[in-house]
């Protein structure tokens, strides 16, 4: 990966900054964002496959299960 010359010069002028740490943090944050987006996509896929349950059905199932 290449860094544009102008940006490289600006980085050199700011030697007080730990650029490796900045880059590591940026990469870690980006990975976290991507992982959250992937999790959200998977949740949406599962939601689309789910069959809606009519109101009160969960209560009935719980009561039936308790009666066993």
Protein backbone atom coordinates (compact mmCIF):
# COMPACT_ATOMS: atom_id res chain seq x y z
CA UNK A 1 0.00 0.00 0.00
CA UNK A 2 1.34 3.39 -0.94
CA UNK A 3 0.96 6.60 1.00
CA UNK A 4 0.76 9.78 -1.09
CA UNK A 5 3.93 11.87 -0.89
CA UNK A 6 2.15 14.91 0.60
CA UNK A 7 0.64 12.80 3.38
CA UNK A 8 3.97 11.14 4.07
CA UNK A 9 5.59 14.55 4.52
CA UNK A 10 2.88 15.63 6.95
CA UNK A 11 3.41 12.42 8.95
CA UNK A 12 7.15 13.07 9.11
CA UNK A 13 6.54 16.58 10.45
CA UNK A 14 4.47 15.13 13.31
CA UNK A 15 7.08 12.83 14.79
CA UNK A 16 5.55 13.38 18.23
CA UNK A 17 2.69 11.08 17.26
CA UNK A 18 3.00 7.31 17.51
CA UNK A 19 1.66 6.56 14.04
CA UNK A 20 1.85 2.79 14.48
CA UNK A 21 -0.49 3.06 17.45
CA UNK A 22 -2.83 5.37 15.53
CA UNK A 23 -2.98 2.90 12.64
CA UNK A 24 -3.50 -0.10 14.95
CA UNK A 25 -6.37 1.70 16.71
CA UNK A 26 -7.96 2.69 13.40
CA UNK A 27 -7.74 -0.86 12.09
CA UNK A 28 -9.20 -2.29 15.31
CA UNK A 29 -12.10 0.18 15.21
CA UNK A 30 -12.81 -0.57 11.55
CA UNK A 31 -12.80 -4.31 12.22
CA UNK A 32 -15.24 -3.80 15.10
CA UNK A 33 -17.56 -1.79 12.84
CA UNK A 34 -17.41 -4.45 10.11
CA UNK A 35 -18.09 -7.24 12.63
CA UNK A 36 -21.11 -5.36 13.98
CA UNK A 37 -22.43 -4.79 10.47
CA UNK A 38 -22.02 -8.50 9.69
CA UNK A 39 -23.84 -9.43 12.91
CA UNK A 40 -26.67 -7.05 12.01
CA UNK A 41 -26.91 -8.59 8.53
CA UNK A 42 -27.10 -12.08 10.03
CA UNK A 43 -29.80 -11.00 12.49
CA UNK A 44 -31.80 -9.53 9.60
CA UNK A 45 -31.46 -12.81 7.68
CA UNK A 46 -32.74 -14.79 10.66
CA UNK A 47 -35.63 -12.35 11.16
CA UNK A 48 -36.68 -12.81 7.54
CA UNK A 49 -36.83 -16.60 7.97
CA UNK A 50 -38.86 -16.44 11.16
CA UNK A 51 -42.57 -17.19 11.07
CA UNK A 52 -44.64 -14.59 12.91
CA UNK A 53 -46.40 -15.83 16.04
CA UNK A 54 -49.90 -14.63 16.69
CA UNK A 55 -50.58 -12.61 19.81
CA UNK A 56 -50.99 -14.77 22.91
CA UNK A 57 -49.43 -17.86 21.35
CA UNK A 58 -46.27 -17.68 23.47
CA UNK A 59 -48.37 -17.54 26.65
CA UNK A 60 -50.30 -20.62 25.52
CA UNK A 61 -47.09 -22.53 24.79
CA UNK A 62 -45.66 -21.66 28.20
CA UNK A 63 -48.84 -22.78 29.97
CA UNK A 64 -48.88 -26.04 28.00
CA UNK A 65 -45.26 -26.67 28.90
CA UNK A 66 -45.90 -26.03 32.61
CA UNK A 67 -48.79 -28.49 32.61
CA UNK A 68 -46.57 -31.35 31.49
